[in-house]
N, C-alpha and C. Protein backbone atom coordinates (compact mmCIF):
# COMPACT_ATOMS: atom_id res chain seq x y z
N MET A 1 -3.79 -27.68 6.36
CA MET A 1 -3.00 -26.03 6.22
C MET A 1 -4.25 -25.22 6.71
N GLU A 2 -4.02 -23.99 6.96
CA GLU A 2 -5.12 -23.18 7.79
C GLU A 2 -4.69 -21.73 6.97
N LYS A 3 -5.45 -21.00 6.10
CA LYS A 3 -5.46 -19.53 5.99
C LYS A 3 -6.05 -18.62 6.35
N ILE A 4 -5.49 -17.70 7.07
CA ILE A 4 -6.27 -16.77 7.96
C ILE A 4 -5.98 -15.23 6.83
N ASN A 5 -7.08 -14.42 6.43
CA ASN A 5 -6.88 -13.28 5.90
C ASN A 5 -7.28 -12.25 6.90
N LEU A 6 -6.39 -11.07 7.04
CA LEU A 6 -6.51 -9.99 8.00
C LEU A 6 -6.13 -8.70 7.39
N ILE A 7 -7.04 -8.02 7.85
CA ILE A 7 -6.71 -6.38 7.54
C ILE A 7 -6.19 -5.84 8.49
N VAL A 8 -4.97 -5.39 8.67
CA VAL A 8 -4.36 -4.83 9.84
C VAL A 8 -3.82 -3.44 9.69
N ASP A 9 -3.76 -3.10 10.75
CA ASP A 9 -2.80 -1.51 11.06
C ASP A 9 -1.58 -1.52 10.70
N ALA A 10 -0.93 -1.29 9.78
CA ALA A 10 0.28 -1.71 9.53
C ALA A 10 1.38 -1.35 10.27
N GLY A 11 2.13 -2.15 10.82
CA GLY A 11 3.29 -2.13 11.77
C GLY A 11 2.78 -1.73 13.20
N LYS A 12 1.33 -2.16 13.34
CA LYS A 12 0.63 -2.43 14.43
C LYS A 12 -0.47 -3.27 14.75
N ALA A 13 -0.12 -4.65 13.99
CA ALA A 13 -0.93 -5.48 13.95
C ALA A 13 -0.96 -6.21 15.58
N ASN A 14 -2.30 -6.16 15.52
CA ASN A 14 -2.79 -6.61 17.10
C ASN A 14 -3.87 -7.88 17.02
N LEU A 15 -3.28 -9.14 17.08
CA LEU A 15 -3.63 -10.42 16.72
C LEU A 15 -4.77 -11.17 17.99
N GLU A 16 -4.61 -10.46 19.02
CA GLU A 16 -5.39 -10.77 20.59
C GLU A 16 -6.67 -11.70 19.84
N GLN A 17 -7.50 -11.26 19.15
CA GLN A 17 -8.77 -11.61 18.76
C GLN A 17 -8.45 -13.19 18.24
N LEU A 18 -7.22 -13.43 17.45
CA LEU A 18 -6.86 -14.77 16.88
C LEU A 18 -6.00 -15.67 17.93
N SER A 19 -5.46 -14.74 19.15
CA SER A 19 -4.66 -15.92 19.75
C SER A 19 -4.90 -17.34 20.45
N THR A 20 -6.20 -17.68 20.57
CA THR A 20 -6.71 -18.54 20.83
C THR A 20 -6.40 -19.66 19.89
N LYS A 21 -7.21 -19.07 18.82
CA LYS A 21 -6.92 -19.96 17.19
C LYS A 21 -5.54 -20.49 17.22
N ILE A 22 -4.94 -19.35 17.11
CA ILE A 22 -3.52 -19.36 16.55
C ILE A 22 -2.70 -20.25 17.66
N ASN A 23 -2.77 -20.32 19.15
CA ASN A 23 -2.11 -20.96 20.27
C ASN A 23 -2.53 -22.21 20.03
N SER A 24 -4.13 -22.56 19.60
CA SER A 24 -4.23 -23.92 19.38
C SER A 24 -3.88 -24.96 18.45
N LEU A 25 -3.24 -24.12 17.61
CA LEU A 25 -2.81 -24.69 16.37
C LEU A 25 -1.44 -25.07 16.66
N GLY A 26 -0.73 -24.43 18.07
CA GLY A 26 0.55 -24.78 18.25
C GLY A 26 1.55 -23.71 17.57
N PHE A 27 0.83 -22.47 17.34
CA PHE A 27 2.25 -21.49 17.07
C PHE A 27 2.37 -20.28 18.19
N ASN A 28 2.87 -19.68 18.08
CA ASN A 28 3.24 -18.47 19.03
C ASN A 28 2.97 -17.12 18.32
N VAL A 29 1.60 -16.61 19.02
CA VAL A 29 0.91 -15.60 18.53
C VAL A 29 1.79 -14.31 18.41
N ASN A 30 2.74 -14.32 19.52
CA ASN A 30 3.56 -13.17 19.93
C ASN A 30 4.49 -13.19 18.42
N GLU A 31 5.21 -14.16 18.45
CA GLU A 31 6.13 -14.02 17.13
C GLU A 31 5.45 -13.83 15.93
N ILE A 32 4.38 -14.36 15.74
CA ILE A 32 3.52 -14.20 14.71
C ILE A 32 3.51 -12.31 14.29
N GLN A 33 2.84 -11.95 15.32
CA GLN A 33 2.52 -10.88 15.47
C GLN A 33 3.45 -9.54 14.92
N LYS A 34 4.73 -10.12 16.04
CA LYS A 34 5.76 -9.57 15.60
C LYS A 34 6.27 -9.37 14.20
N GLU A 35 6.06 -10.32 13.37
CA GLU A 35 6.77 -10.50 12.23
C GLU A 35 5.83 -9.73 11.08
N ILE A 36 4.39 -10.05 11.66
CA ILE A 36 3.64 -9.11 10.58
C ILE A 36 4.23 -7.81 10.95
N ASN A 37 3.89 -7.23 12.21
CA ASN A 37 4.59 -5.59 12.26
C ASN A 37 5.66 -5.41 11.77
N GLU A 38 6.83 -6.42 11.30
CA GLU A 38 8.06 -5.94 11.13
C GLU A 38 7.88 -5.81 9.20
N LYS A 39 6.95 -6.58 8.65
CA LYS A 39 6.73 -6.81 7.45
C LYS A 39 5.97 -5.56 6.75
N THR A 40 5.01 -5.15 7.61
CA THR A 40 4.21 -3.92 7.28
C THR A 40 4.66 -2.53 7.59
N LYS A 41 5.59 -2.53 8.49
CA LYS A 41 6.00 -1.30 9.24
C LYS A 41 6.13 -0.18 7.94
N GLU A 42 6.65 -0.42 6.81
CA GLU A 42 6.85 0.63 6.14
C GLU A 42 5.41 1.00 5.53
N PHE A 43 4.49 0.59 5.50
CA PHE A 43 3.39 1.22 4.93
C PHE A 43 2.69 1.65 6.40
N SER A 44 3.22 2.25 7.54
CA SER A 44 2.60 2.75 8.73
C SER A 44 1.54 3.81 8.71
N GLY A 45 0.51 3.78 9.45
CA GLY A 45 -0.69 4.78 8.92
C GLY A 45 -1.48 3.89 7.96
N LEU A 46 -1.44 3.05 7.22
CA LEU A 46 -2.23 2.56 6.31
C LEU A 46 -2.78 0.81 6.91
N LYS A 47 -3.75 0.74 6.25
CA LYS A 47 -4.61 -0.66 6.65
C LYS A 47 -3.84 -1.54 5.56
N VAL A 48 -3.44 -2.62 5.81
CA VAL A 48 -2.73 -3.47 4.70
C VAL A 48 -3.52 -4.95 4.88
N ASN A 49 -3.74 -5.74 3.79
CA ASN A 49 -4.37 -7.28 3.92
C ASN A 49 -2.92 -7.97 4.16
N VAL A 50 -3.12 -8.92 5.03
CA VAL A 50 -2.24 -9.75 5.12
C VAL A 50 -2.75 -11.47 5.20
N THR A 51 -1.94 -12.33 4.53
CA THR A 51 -2.85 -13.69 4.78
C THR A 51 -1.70 -14.47 5.41
N LEU A 52 -1.74 -15.03 6.41
CA LEU A 52 -1.45 -15.97 7.32
C LEU A 52 -1.78 -17.51 7.08
N ILE A 53 -0.64 -18.16 6.79
CA ILE A 53 -0.65 -19.26 6.19
C ILE A 53 0.07 -20.57 7.23
N LEU A 54 -1.20 -21.12 8.08
CA LEU A 54 -0.45 -21.91 8.94
C LEU A 54 -0.48 -23.43 8.62
N ASP A 55 0.96 -23.88 8.56
CA ASP A 55 1.04 -25.25 8.38
C ASP A 55 1.04 -25.85 9.42
N LYS A 56 0.19 -26.69 10.17
CA LYS A 56 -0.04 -27.48 11.49
C LYS A 56 1.12 -28.55 11.73
N GLU A 57 0.73 -29.21 10.38
CA GLU A 57 1.74 -30.75 10.82
C GLU A 57 3.19 -30.11 10.73
N ASN A 58 3.72 -29.37 10.31
CA ASN A 58 5.22 -28.94 10.22
C ASN A 58 5.47 -27.89 10.75
N LYS A 59 4.26 -27.42 11.48
CA LYS A 59 4.53 -26.22 12.15
C LYS A 59 5.65 -25.12 11.70
N LYS A 60 5.08 -24.76 10.64
CA LYS A 60 5.82 -23.76 9.81
C LYS A 60 4.61 -23.06 9.27
N TYR A 61 4.81 -21.20 9.46
CA TYR A 61 4.04 -20.51 9.01
C TYR A 61 4.51 -19.53 7.99
N GLU A 62 3.72 -18.84 7.04
CA GLU A 62 4.00 -17.90 6.12
C GLU A 62 3.05 -16.79 6.20
N ILE A 63 3.73 -15.61 6.30
CA ILE A 63 2.78 -14.25 5.87
C ILE A 63 3.08 -13.88 4.82
N LYS A 64 2.25 -13.53 3.77
CA LYS A 64 1.86 -12.87 2.44
C LYS A 64 1.56 -11.56 2.89
N VAL A 65 1.80 -10.38 2.42
CA VAL A 65 1.67 -8.64 2.88
C VAL A 65 1.33 -8.37 1.12
N LYS A 66 0.06 -7.74 1.28
CA LYS A 66 -0.13 -7.26 0.02
C LYS A 66 -0.17 -5.84 0.08
N ALA A 67 0.56 -5.42 -0.59
CA ALA A 67 0.83 -3.64 -0.57
C ALA A 67 -0.72 -2.74 -0.77
N PRO A 68 -0.63 -1.69 0.10
CA PRO A 68 -1.72 -1.04 -0.14
C PRO A 68 -1.76 -0.44 -1.74
N SER A 69 -3.08 -0.15 -2.01
CA SER A 69 -3.47 0.37 -3.37
C SER A 69 -2.68 1.70 -3.56
N VAL A 70 -2.50 1.96 -4.86
CA VAL A 70 -1.71 3.40 -5.61
C VAL A 70 -2.32 4.30 -4.94
N ALA A 71 -3.84 4.55 -4.89
CA ALA A 71 -4.52 5.52 -4.17
C ALA A 71 -3.89 5.57 -2.56
N ASP A 72 -4.03 4.73 -2.14
CA ASP A 72 -3.52 4.52 -0.60
C ASP A 72 -2.04 5.26 -0.54
N LEU A 73 -1.06 4.85 -1.00
CA LEU A 73 0.35 5.42 -1.25
C LEU A 73 0.41 6.53 -1.46
N VAL A 74 -0.45 7.25 -2.51
CA VAL A 74 -0.20 8.29 -2.86
C VAL A 74 -0.82 9.29 -1.66
N LYS A 75 -1.81 8.56 -1.14
CA LYS A 75 -2.12 9.81 0.16
C LYS A 75 -1.13 9.65 1.27
N LYS A 76 -0.99 8.85 1.47
CA LYS A 76 0.67 8.55 2.42
C LYS A 76 1.68 9.48 1.88
N GLU A 77 2.02 9.32 1.04
CA GLU A 77 3.27 10.25 0.43
C GLU A 77 2.79 12.26 0.35
N LEU A 78 1.46 12.37 0.24
CA LEU A 78 0.82 13.53 0.25
C LEU A 78 0.92 13.87 1.71
N GLY A 79 0.24 13.21 2.51
CA GLY A 79 0.07 13.15 3.78
C GLY A 79 -1.41 13.87 3.91
N VAL A 80 -2.18 13.22 3.22
CA VAL A 80 -3.54 13.57 3.28
C VAL A 80 -4.51 12.24 3.60
N GLU A 81 -5.40 12.60 4.12
CA GLU A 81 -6.57 11.27 4.43
C GLU A 81 -7.52 11.13 3.28
N LEU A 82 -7.80 12.24 2.37
CA LEU A 82 -8.92 11.92 1.63
C LEU A 82 -8.28 12.63 0.09
N LEU A 83 -8.55 12.02 -0.97
CA LEU A 83 -8.04 12.40 -2.47
C LEU A 83 -9.45 13.10 -3.08
N LYS A 84 -9.93 14.16 -2.24
CA LYS A 84 -10.93 15.00 -2.89
C LYS A 84 -11.16 16.22 -2.75
N ILE A 85 -11.25 16.95 -3.56
CA ILE A 85 -11.28 18.37 -3.21
C ILE A 85 -12.95 18.88 -2.60
N SER A 86 -13.20 19.38 -1.57
CA SER A 86 -14.17 19.74 -1.09
C SER A 86 -14.98 21.05 -2.03
N GLU A 87 -16.52 20.95 -1.83
CA GLU A 87 -17.10 21.73 -2.72
C GLU A 87 -16.84 23.12 -2.10
N GLU A 88 -16.34 23.29 -1.18
CA GLU A 88 -15.80 24.85 -0.63
C GLU A 88 -14.40 25.20 -1.31
N ASP A 89 -13.33 24.33 -1.67
CA ASP A 89 -12.40 24.60 -1.83
C ASP A 89 -12.38 24.58 -3.39
N LYS A 90 -13.27 23.76 -4.04
CA LYS A 90 -13.74 23.77 -5.43
C LYS A 90 -13.92 25.70 -5.77
N GLN A 91 -14.93 25.96 -5.02
CA GLN A 91 -15.72 27.44 -5.07
C GLN A 91 -14.50 28.46 -5.27
N LYS A 92 -13.54 28.03 -4.25
CA LYS A 92 -12.22 29.10 -4.03
C LYS A 92 -11.33 28.94 -5.00
N GLY A 93 -11.76 28.20 -5.93
CA GLY A 93 -10.81 27.54 -7.06
C GLY A 93 -9.56 26.83 -7.29
N LYS A 94 -9.77 26.10 -6.07
CA LYS A 94 -8.53 25.24 -5.83
C LYS A 94 -8.75 23.68 -6.18
N THR A 95 -8.08 23.27 -7.44
CA THR A 95 -8.11 22.35 -8.27
C THR A 95 -7.04 21.13 -7.42
N VAL A 96 -5.96 21.32 -6.95
CA VAL A 96 -5.11 20.59 -6.81
C VAL A 96 -5.10 20.11 -5.28
N ILE A 97 -4.77 18.61 -4.94
CA ILE A 97 -4.94 17.93 -3.73
C ILE A 97 -3.52 18.24 -3.17
N GLY A 98 -2.21 17.70 -4.22
CA GLY A 98 -1.14 17.85 -3.82
C GLY A 98 -0.26 17.50 -5.13
N ASN A 99 1.18 17.74 -4.94
CA ASN A 99 1.74 17.44 -6.04
C ASN A 99 3.37 16.56 -5.71
N LEU A 100 3.18 15.22 -6.18
CA LEU A 100 4.23 14.55 -6.08
C LEU A 100 5.63 14.86 -6.69
N SER A 101 6.62 14.31 -5.93
CA SER A 101 7.90 14.42 -6.88
C SER A 101 8.07 12.85 -8.03
N MET A 102 8.66 13.02 -8.79
CA MET A 102 8.72 11.88 -9.65
C MET A 102 9.81 10.83 -8.55
N LYS A 103 10.74 11.23 -7.69
CA LYS A 103 11.09 10.37 -6.53
C LYS A 103 9.99 9.90 -6.01
N GLN A 104 9.03 10.28 -5.53
CA GLN A 104 7.70 9.70 -4.62
C GLN A 104 6.98 8.66 -5.69
N VAL A 105 7.07 9.11 -6.65
CA VAL A 105 6.45 8.11 -7.85
C VAL A 105 6.70 6.95 -7.94
N GLU A 106 8.26 6.77 -8.35
CA GLU A 106 9.07 5.86 -8.17
C GLU A 106 8.89 4.83 -6.87
N LYS A 107 9.24 5.66 -5.68
CA LYS A 107 8.74 4.61 -4.68
C LYS A 107 7.78 3.75 -4.73
N ILE A 108 6.38 4.36 -4.94
CA ILE A 108 5.23 3.84 -5.20
C ILE A 108 5.64 2.65 -6.06
N ALA A 109 6.16 3.08 -7.03
CA ALA A 109 6.25 1.95 -8.24
C ALA A 109 7.53 0.92 -7.69
N LYS A 110 8.41 0.97 -7.06
CA LYS A 110 9.01 -0.02 -6.44
C LYS A 110 8.15 -0.81 -5.52
N ILE A 111 7.23 -0.50 -4.63
CA ILE A 111 6.56 -1.15 -3.86
C ILE A 111 5.70 -2.07 -4.81
N LYS A 112 5.00 -1.66 -5.88
CA LYS A 112 4.48 -2.11 -6.39
C LYS A 112 4.75 -3.17 -7.55
N ALA A 113 5.71 -2.81 -7.59
CA ALA A 113 7.01 -3.76 -8.81
C ALA A 113 7.07 -5.23 -7.95
N GLU A 114 7.46 -4.56 -6.61
CA GLU A 114 7.84 -6.09 -5.73
C GLU A 114 6.64 -6.88 -5.50
N GLU A 115 5.54 -6.20 -5.10
CA GLU A 115 3.85 -7.21 -5.05
C GLU A 115 4.09 -7.84 -6.32
N LEU A 116 3.81 -7.04 -7.31
CA LEU A 116 3.60 -7.93 -8.50
C LEU A 116 4.89 -8.98 -9.20
N GLY A 117 5.75 -8.75 -8.71
CA GLY A 117 6.94 -9.49 -9.36
C GLY A 117 7.53 -9.01 -10.71
N GLU A 118 7.48 -7.84 -10.92
CA GLU A 118 8.08 -7.18 -12.21
C GLU A 118 9.26 -6.56 -12.09
N LYS A 119 10.22 -7.13 -12.99
CA LYS A 119 11.30 -6.67 -12.94
C LYS A 119 11.65 -5.26 -13.64
N ASP A 120 10.80 -5.18 -14.59
CA ASP A 120 10.58 -3.72 -15.41
C ASP A 120 10.02 -2.66 -15.28
N LEU A 121 11.28 -1.77 -13.98
CA LEU A 121 10.21 -0.79 -13.25
C LEU A 121 9.74 0.46 -13.87
N LYS A 122 10.05 0.41 -15.51
CA LYS A 122 9.62 1.38 -16.13
C LYS A 122 8.16 1.28 -16.51
N LYS A 123 7.59 -0.19 -16.89
CA LYS A 123 6.36 -0.56 -16.79
C LYS A 123 5.58 -0.52 -16.10
N VAL A 124 6.10 -0.62 -14.46
CA VAL A 124 5.23 -0.46 -13.18
C VAL A 124 5.11 1.24 -12.94
N LEU A 125 5.99 1.77 -13.34
CA LEU A 125 6.10 3.32 -13.19
C LEU A 125 4.79 3.90 -14.36
N LYS A 126 4.65 3.45 -15.28
CA LYS A 126 3.53 3.78 -16.30
C LYS A 126 2.55 3.51 -16.02
N MET A 127 2.56 2.19 -15.09
CA MET A 127 0.93 1.69 -14.70
C MET A 127 0.67 2.74 -13.35
N VAL A 128 1.72 2.95 -12.56
CA VAL A 128 1.53 3.68 -11.43
C VAL A 128 0.91 5.16 -11.57
N ILE A 129 1.58 5.78 -12.67
CA ILE A 129 0.77 7.07 -13.38
C ILE A 129 -0.19 7.10 -13.79
N SER A 130 -0.47 5.87 -14.76
CA SER A 130 -1.72 5.63 -15.18
C SER A 130 -2.68 5.46 -13.92
N SER A 131 -2.58 5.12 -12.94
CA SER A 131 -3.48 4.94 -11.76
C SER A 131 -3.57 6.74 -11.01
N ILE A 132 -2.63 7.36 -11.12
CA ILE A 132 -2.66 8.42 -10.34
C ILE A 132 -3.33 9.17 -10.97
N SER A 133 -2.99 9.32 -12.70
CA SER A 133 -4.09 9.98 -13.81
C SER A 133 -5.82 9.99 -13.08
N THR A 134 -6.09 8.75 -12.75
CA THR A 134 -7.47 8.76 -12.47
C THR A 134 -7.98 9.62 -10.94
N LEU A 135 -7.00 10.10 -10.45
CA LEU A 135 -7.14 10.70 -9.10
C LEU A 135 -7.12 11.96 -9.25
N GLN A 136 -8.35 12.70 -8.68
CA GLN A 136 -8.67 14.10 -8.76
C GLN A 136 -7.70 14.80 -7.97
N GLY A 137 -7.06 15.98 -8.51
CA GLY A 137 -6.30 17.07 -8.08
C GLY A 137 -4.58 16.44 -7.62
N VAL A 138 -4.27 15.27 -8.32
CA VAL A 138 -2.92 15.03 -7.80
C VAL A 138 -1.83 15.19 -8.93
N LEU A 139 -0.89 15.99 -8.73
CA LEU A 139 -0.07 16.46 -10.11
C LEU A 139 1.16 15.37 -9.49
N ILE A 140 2.04 15.57 -10.61
CA ILE A 140 3.69 14.81 -10.72
C ILE A 140 4.38 15.88 -11.32
N GLU A 141 5.29 16.38 -10.24
CA GLU A 141 5.92 17.45 -10.67
C GLU A 141 5.36 19.10 -11.29
N GLY A 142 4.19 19.22 -10.79
CA GLY A 142 3.62 20.00 -10.86
C GLY A 142 2.97 19.97 -13.03
N LYS A 143 2.89 18.63 -13.32
CA LYS A 143 2.26 18.54 -14.16
C LYS A 143 1.09 17.51 -13.94
N ARG A 144 0.01 17.30 -15.02
CA ARG A 144 -0.93 16.58 -14.73
C ARG A 144 -0.20 14.93 -15.13
N PRO A 145 -0.78 13.94 -14.49
CA PRO A 145 0.12 12.79 -14.92
C PRO A 145 0.11 11.99 -16.18
N LYS A 146 -1.16 12.64 -17.14
CA LYS A 146 -1.14 12.07 -18.36
C LYS A 146 0.01 13.20 -19.01
N GLU A 147 0.53 14.08 -18.84
CA GLU A 147 1.61 14.74 -19.74
C GLU A 147 2.92 14.18 -19.37
N ILE A 148 2.95 13.43 -17.77
CA ILE A 148 4.04 12.60 -17.58
C ILE A 148 4.29 11.38 -18.53
N LEU A 149 2.98 10.69 -18.71
CA LEU A 149 2.91 9.69 -19.33
C LEU A 149 3.52 9.81 -20.41
N LYS A 150 2.86 10.80 -21.22
CA LYS A 150 3.16 11.20 -22.46
C LYS A 150 4.84 11.46 -22.72
N ASP A 151 5.52 12.28 -21.70
CA ASP A 151 6.67 12.40 -21.92
C ASP A 151 7.61 11.31 -21.84
N LEU A 152 7.30 10.20 -20.92
CA LEU A 152 7.82 8.99 -20.88
C LEU A 152 7.87 7.97 -21.94
N LYS A 153 6.91 8.22 -23.02
CA LYS A 153 6.61 7.30 -24.18
C LYS A 153 7.74 7.89 -24.92
N GLU A 154 7.78 9.22 -25.39
CA GLU A 154 8.52 9.82 -26.11
C GLU A 154 10.27 9.47 -26.12
């Protein structure tokens, strides 16, 4: 059993560097690459961790994809590269990077719930909102994440 940990561009994995090793174990690198790209395409534009488990004896393989962090998913939803307010923007009085809709937060929560194997979406939603509350300048429905959390608890 061979385990290979990779960090790939979601939907655009290139296993060229590993092709010799994968082919020598008797696996089709193009097939594996295609499947990785299919499994990661929803995270397009982000880097994702992938674990490739190759069972040489049975000629079977498994691909495990770890969802990006909440911060990376928030960046993707907001369409920003950095979750930071520049000194220049701070001086101009800008304190908000972006505003997420509740629908966007739920989308992130569903991704994390699947990764965690958690069925209670409200529990994961609270976890995601807590994570968002640590990100500088990110609002949800125009409110600070901690306000949203308080509303959910009531």
